[in-house]
Amino acid sequence: MAAMTIWGIAPVYFVAVGFAQPIEVLAHRIFWSVPLLCLIVSLVRDWPTVIRLSAKEYLYLFASAMCLAVNWLAFIIAISEEKIVETSLGYFINPLVSIFLGWIFLREHLTRLQWCAVLVAIAGISWELYIDKLIPMYGLSLAISFGVYGLLRKQVNLPAATGLLVECCFLLPLALLYVLFFSQESEIRTQIEFGLLMFGGVMTVIPLLFFTAATTRLPLVVLGVFQYLAPSLSLIIAILAYDEPVSSSRWTTLWCVWMALVIFSVDGFYRFYQSRSV
């Protein structure tokens, strides 16, 4: 609940740092995450795990870091362009993208209900494309980049905080490059503004710790259902707090995705209880 609530209200934070360009917000988010993650890895004494990683595992983490950067930047840009509804759509679609990628790349078996869920979601997006002649680019970018990120992270067996530290270290040169060559073009930040940008590290790391703690205590099927809380909160915030308009075609897409998620959840609970009864 804590992890999903923080992720769900995250758009409020990114609206608050709207005084900065998206690339500046991303640079601060990466930079201030590193010391927090170093502290956590030190507390759990997991540095030997980082040192023992193979070249292949570092390569996978580099690729996952690039996906994470795309995901974070797309999210920040979408918020700056007042498209919070579309970001929530992206994270509603994400579980379905993940199972589809698992079927393609990991040869995971999809049940009939899972196929039905994927096809219903595709139908909703196709309807919006047909009516508005526009692809929900930010939503799909978020869903696909995070889906590919999850696929890559499956190849490296690492605790969440340790893996994120390695990924942020790969991204750190990009953040430093911004500071050295482009930060001079931005306005001088007040202490409050600078403090808000620093807080991006906390917004990144703290919910991850809650989520990691939850994964060790909850069945994956229950965890999967909880993940719908975050985009639901974002959608409510977008409509009630920021008066974002939602077209009829977008509502159709959302209803199709919600229907797909219900089918997906029913299938997950059925297989979970079936495995418990064996």
Foldseek 3Di string as FASTA:
>chain_A
DVLLVLLQCVLVLLVVLLLDDLLLLLLLLLVLLQVVLVVVCVVVVPVVVVVPDDPVLLVLLQLLLVLVSQLSSLCSVCSNVLNLLLQLLLLLCQVLLLVVVCCVPVVDDDDPLSVVLNVLLVVLQVLLCVPVVDHSVSSVSNNNSVSVSVVSVVVPPDQPSVSSNSSSVSCNVVSVVCVVPPCVVRDDDDPVSVVSSNCSSVSPPVSSVVLSVVPVPDDVLVVLVSSSSSSVSSNCCSCPVVVDDADPSNVSSVVSSVVSVVSVSVVVVVVVVVVVVD
